[in-house]
Amino acid sequence: MSRRKKIYEGKAKILYEGPEPGTIVQYFKDDATAFNAEKKAVIEGKGVLNNRLSEFFMTGLGQIGVPNHFIKRLNMREQLVRSVEIVPLEIIVRNYAAGTMSKRLGIEEGTQLPRPIVEYCYKDDALGDPLVTEEHIAAFGWASQQDMDDILSLALRVNDFLSGVMMAVGIRLVDFKIEVGRIYDGDFQRLIVADEISPDSCRLWDIETGQKLDKDVFRRDLGDLKDAYTEVARRLGVMPKTAPITKPTLIN
């Protein structure tokens, strides 16, 4: 394999130039981080699971007409995606109180919210991805009002899809975050779902037991993170129960 040009390396993924203009190869790492990377570990097989799960969710969204950057999975750890201009926001959709919302507002974790609540955080690791309002977004030009309308619509459609898929396998979608990116066709711009959708970016609780099946297992030392992610994959039929999860050599 010829050497590829690395574009960016984040906490959980590496991006490489794709084989065609307008494409990127997204590589899923085994690294796990929490509390803005203050807590770190390497969980062998995590990248394989997140690659397959993100493929599953992005494909499903595409089938119901929710545009996203996914093109195809290349191998166990890589997928080919569209190159996008990322809007510098994390879009969080909350169905139940948990995490920072519970801390900020004093609401008991697990409390069902009267309706899905959408929040926005400014993407800046050095600042800890602070919560921002639509006033901030408009004032600093991070997104236009039309962008915000489109982002809200995308976020709620993703929520409807993920909630239904998870409920069907006995999992409660507590909350999740997505990123969106701009793609251009001449002068025409549209927004699509980008980055990833995986247990790294969702809170997933077993409906019957309340068992956490997401990155809170790592954040709060609740057990084996790979076991939790594997359970999600098995319930969704994404990976066979006997599928080995191996760690290949990264060639770049």
Protein backbone atom coordinates (compact mmCIF):
# COMPACT_ATOMS: atom_id res chain seq x y z
CA MET A 1 0.00 0.00 0.00
CA SER A 2 1.35 3.42 -0.91
CA ARG A 3 1.78 5.97 1.82
CA ARG A 4 -1.21 8.19 2.35
CA LYS A 5 -1.25 11.80 3.41
CA LYS A 6 -2.59 12.33 6.91
CA ILE A 7 -4.96 15.29 7.07
CA TYR A 8 -5.89 15.26 10.74
CA GLU A 9 -5.62 13.12 13.84
CA GLY A 10 -8.15 13.45 16.61
CA LYS A 11 -8.82 11.62 19.85
CA ALA A 12 -10.64 8.70 18.22
CA LYS A 13 -9.98 8.88 14.48
CA ILE A 14 -7.37 9.67 11.84
CA LEU A 15 -8.31 11.27 8.52
CA TYR A 16 -6.35 10.60 5.34
CA GLU A 17 -6.66 11.93 1.81
CA GLY A 18 -9.09 9.78 -0.14
CA PRO A 19 -8.46 8.08 -3.48
CA GLU A 20 -10.65 10.58 -5.36
CA PRO A 21 -11.08 14.35 -5.02
CA GLY A 22 -13.69 15.20 -2.45
CA THR A 23 -13.18 12.00 -0.47
CA ILE A 24 -11.48 11.16 2.82
CA VAL A 25 -10.49 7.88 4.44
CA GLN A 26 -11.60 7.82 8.07
CA TYR A 27 -9.63 5.44 10.33
CA PHE A 28 -11.10 4.45 13.71
CA LYS A 29 -8.55 4.17 16.51
CA ASP A 30 -8.74 2.07 19.66
CA ASP A 31 -8.07 5.10 21.86
CA ALA A 32 -10.65 5.97 24.49
CA THR A 33 -10.71 9.40 26.09
CA ALA A 34 -12.92 11.18 28.61
CA PHE A 35 -13.07 14.51 30.44
CA ASN A 36 -11.52 16.37 27.48
CA ALA A 37 -8.76 13.72 27.15
CA GLU A 38 -7.75 13.93 30.82
CA LYS A 39 -8.54 10.21 31.08
CA LYS A 40 -7.07 7.99 28.36
CA ALA A 41 -6.77 4.30 27.53
CA VAL A 42 -6.39 1.99 24.56
CA ILE A 43 -9.28 -0.49 24.25
CA GLU A 44 -8.31 -3.13 21.70
CA GLY A 45 -11.10 -3.62 19.17
CA LYS A 46 -12.98 -0.40 19.97
CA GLY A 47 -12.14 1.09 16.57
CA VAL A 48 -13.47 -1.98 14.75
CA LEU A 49 -16.77 -1.80 16.62
CA ASN A 50 -17.21 1.94 16.08
CA ASN A 51 -16.41 1.61 12.39
CA ARG A 52 -19.07 -1.05 11.91
CA LEU A 53 -21.65 0.68 14.10
CA SER A 54 -21.16 4.06 12.43
CA GLU A 55 -21.52 2.36 9.04
CA PHE A 56 -24.78 0.77 10.22
CA PHE A 57 -26.27 4.04 11.45
CA MET A 58 -25.12 6.18 8.52
CA THR A 59 -26.40 3.62 6.01
CA GLY A 60 -29.74 3.50 7.76
CA LEU A 61 -30.00 7.28 7.76
CA GLY A 62 -29.21 7.36 4.05
CA GLN A 63 -31.98 4.86 3.38
CA ILE A 64 -34.57 7.18 4.93
CA GLY A 65 -33.25 10.24 3.13
CA VAL A 66 -31.07 11.83 5.82
CA PRO A 67 -27.96 13.02 3.95
CA ASN A 68 -24.59 12.09 5.45
CA HIS A 69 -20.94 11.77 4.49
CA PHE A 70 -20.70 7.96 4.45
CA ILE A 71 -19.80 6.34 1.11
CA LYS A 72 -18.64 2.81 1.98
CA ARG A 73 -16.66 0.78 4.48
CA LEU A 74 -13.21 -0.11 3.19
CA ASN A 75 -12.10 -2.62 5.82
CA MET A 76 -12.49 -3.39 9.50
CA ARG A 77 -11.19 0.00 10.63
CA GLU A 78 -11.62 2.37 7.70
CA GLN A 79 -14.43 3.91 5.75
CA LEU A 80 -14.57 6.18 2.75
CA VAL A 81 -16.49 9.40 3.38
CA ARG A 82 -17.18 12.66 1.62
CA SER A 83 -14.94 15.58 2.39
CA VAL A 84 -16.97 18.31 4.09
CA GLU A 85 -16.42 21.69 5.68
CA ILE A 86 -17.30 20.99 9.30
CA VAL A 87 -19.54 23.50 11.05
CA PRO A 88 -17.68 24.25 14.33
CA LEU A 89 -20.50 22.98 16.52
CA GLU A 90 -21.39 19.82 18.37
CA ILE A 91 -25.15 19.29 18.18
CA ILE A 92 -26.49 17.46 21.24
CA VAL A 93 -29.99 15.96 21.37
CA ARG A 94 -31.27 14.95 24.80
CA ASN A 95 -34.29 12.72 25.44
CA TYR A 96 -33.50 12.06 29.12
CA ALA A 97 -31.51 14.08 31.64
CA ALA A 98 -27.96 12.79 32.09
CA GLY A 99 -24.35 13.92 32.31
CA THR A 100 -23.74 17.65 32.21
CA MET A 101 -27.44 18.52 31.91
CA SER A 102 -28.15 16.80 35.23
CA LYS A 103 -25.24 18.64 36.85
CA ARG A 104 -26.15 22.04 35.41
CA LEU A 105 -29.85 21.93 36.16
CA GLY A 106 -30.02 19.60 39.15
CA ILE A 107 -32.27 17.12 37.35
CA GLU A 108 -31.96 13.49 38.39
CA GLU A 109 -30.27 11.31 35.79
CA GLY A 110 -32.77 9.28 33.82
CA THR A 111 -35.59 11.81 34.08
CA GLN A 112 -37.52 11.82 30.80
CA LEU A 113 -37.60 15.28 29.26
CA PRO A 114 -40.94 16.76 28.12
CA ARG A 115 -39.58 16.84 24.57
CA PRO A 116 -36.21 16.35 22.89
CA ILE A 117 -33.92 19.25 23.81
CA VAL A 118 -31.27 20.33 21.32
CA GLU A 119 -28.12 22.02 22.62
CA TYR A 120 -25.05 23.41 20.84
CA CYS A 121 -21.41 23.40 21.91
CA TYR A 122 -18.60 25.30 20.25
CA LYS A 123 -15.98 22.84 19.01
CA ASP A 124 -12.78 23.85 20.76
CA ASP A 125 -10.90 21.30 22.88
CA ALA A 126 -8.79 23.99 24.55
CA LEU A 127 -11.98 25.60 25.86
CA GLY A 128 -13.66 22.33 26.75
CA ASP A 129 -16.32 22.60 23.99
CA PRO A 130 -18.43 25.23 25.82
CA LEU A 131 -22.20 25.34 25.61
CA VAL A 132 -23.37 28.19 23.35
CA THR A 133 -26.70 29.68 22.30
CA GLU A 134 -28.06 30.47 18.85
CA GLU A 135 -27.23 34.12 19.63
CA HIS A 136 -23.54 33.22 19.94
CA ILE A 137 -23.70 31.18 16.74
CA ALA A 138 -25.27 34.04 14.78
CA ALA A 139 -23.06 36.75 16.28
CA PHE A 140 -19.80 34.96 15.52
CA GLY A 141 -20.89 33.74 12.09
CA TRP A 142 -20.48 30.03 12.78
CA ALA A 143 -23.75 29.28 10.99
CA SER A 144 -26.54 31.25 9.34
CA GLN A 145 -30.18 31.15 10.39
CA GLN A 146 -30.93 28.88 7.43
CA ASP A 147 -28.07 26.63 8.55
CA MET A 148 -29.52 26.47 12.06
CA ASP A 149 -32.96 25.56 10.70
CA ASP A 150 -31.37 22.78 8.63
CA ILE A 151 -29.22 21.59 11.55
CA LEU A 152 -32.25 21.38 13.85
CA SER A 153 -34.18 19.42 11.24
CA LEU A 154 -31.28 17.01 10.71
CA ALA A 155 -30.77 16.51 14.45
CA LEU A 156 -34.43 15.70 15.12
CA ARG A 157 -34.62 13.29 12.15
CA VAL A 158 -31.52 11.50 13.41
CA ASN A 159 -33.11 11.35 16.86
CA ASP A 160 -36.31 9.78 15.50
CA PHE A 161 -34.32 7.17 13.57
CA LEU A 162 -31.89 6.26 16.35
CA SER A 163 -34.60 6.17 19.03
CA GLY A 164 -36.66 3.70 17.01
CA VAL A 165 -33.71 1.49 16.09
CA MET A 166 -32.51 1.33 19.68
CA MET A 167 -35.92 0.77 21.23
CA ALA A 168 -36.42 -2.22 18.93
CA VAL A 169 -33.41 -3.94 20.55
CA GLY A 170 -34.21 -2.97 24.13
CA ILE A 171 -31.95 0.08 24.38
CA ARG A 172 -32.97 3.58 25.50
CA LEU A 173 -31.40 6.45 23.54
CA VAL A 174 -30.71 8.89 26.37
CA ASP A 175 -28.82 11.47 24.30
CA PHE A 176 -26.35 11.77 21.46
CA LYS A 177 -24.23 14.28 19.62
CA ILE A 178 -23.58 14.74 15.93
CA GLU A 179 -21.54 17.03 13.76
CA VAL A 180 -22.62 18.45 10.43
CA GLY A 181 -20.63 19.56 7.42
CA ARG A 182 -21.15 21.71 4.37
CA ILE A 183 -20.80 20.30 0.88
CA TYR A 184 -20.91 22.44 -2.24
CA ASP A 185 -22.29 21.92 -5.74
CA GLY A 186 -21.19 25.07 -7.54
CA ASP A 187 -22.76 27.95 -5.64
CA PHE A 188 -25.25 25.65 -3.95
CA GLN A 189 -24.51 24.54 -0.38
CA ARG A 190 -26.19 21.92 1.75
CA LEU A 191 -25.60 20.44 5.18
CA ILE A 192 -25.10 16.74 5.87
CA VAL A 193 -24.42 14.60 8.94
CA ALA A 194 -20.67 13.93 9.31
CA ASP A 195 -18.06 12.55 11.74
CA GLU A 196 -19.49 9.36 13.31
CA ILE A 197 -22.46 7.91 15.16
CA SER A 198 -21.38 5.28 17.67
CA PRO A 199 -21.52 4.48 21.40
CA ASP A 200 -18.70 7.04 21.72
CA SER A 201 -21.19 9.76 20.79
CA CYS A 202 -24.42 8.38 22.32
CA ARG A 203 -25.70 7.51 25.77
CA LEU A 204 -27.33 4.10 25.56
CA TRP A 205 -29.04 2.39 28.50
CA ASP A 206 -30.63 -1.04 28.64
CA ILE A 207 -34.37 -0.43 28.94
CA GLU A 208 -34.94 -3.19 31.51
CA THR A 209 -31.87 -2.91 33.73
CA GLY A 210 -30.55 0.59 33.11
CA GLN A 211 -27.12 -0.89 32.33
CA LYS A 212 -24.95 1.62 30.50
CA LEU A 213 -23.76 0.53 27.06
CA ASP A 214 -21.78 3.62 26.06
CA LYS A 215 -18.65 5.59 26.91
CA ASP A 216 -19.91 6.27 30.43
CA VAL A 217 -18.69 2.73 31.17
CA PHE A 218 -15.17 4.12 30.65
CA ARG A 219 -15.81 7.54 32.17
CA ARG A 220 -17.20 6.09 35.38
CA ASP A 221 -15.21 2.83 35.59
CA LEU A 222 -18.34 0.69 35.30
CA GLY A 223 -16.80 -2.32 33.55
CA ASP A 224 -15.30 -3.34 30.22
CA LEU A 225 -15.96 -0.81 27.48
CA LYS A 226 -15.45 -3.30 24.66
CA ASP A 227 -18.02 -5.64 26.20
CA ALA A 228 -20.56 -2.80 26.30
CA TYR A 229 -19.97 -1.80 22.67
CA THR A 230 -19.99 -5.43 21.57
CA GLU A 231 -23.38 -5.90 23.23
CA VAL A 232 -24.80 -2.97 21.23
CA ALA A 233 -23.35 -4.41 18.01
CA ARG A 234 -24.74 -7.87 18.73
CA ARG A 235 -28.24 -6.60 19.48
CA LEU A 236 -28.26 -4.65 16.25
CA GLY A 237 -26.93 -7.62 14.27
CA VAL A 238 -23.95 -5.58 13.12
CA MET A 239 -21.35 -8.21 14.02
CA PRO A 240 -21.71 -11.98 14.49
CA LYS A 241 -21.41 -13.18 18.06
CA THR A 242 -18.32 -15.17 17.13
CA ALA A 243 -16.59 -12.44 15.09
CA PRO A 244 -12.99 -11.96 16.21
CA ILE A 245 -11.90 -8.38 16.81
CA THR A 246 -8.26 -8.13 15.90
CA LYS A 247 -5.84 -5.23 15.88
CA PRO A 248 -4.27 -4.80 12.43
CA THR A 249 -1.09 -2.92 11.68
CA LEU A 250 -1.75 0.70 10.71
CA ILE A 251 -0.08 1.60 7.43
CA ASN A 252 0.16 5.28 6.62
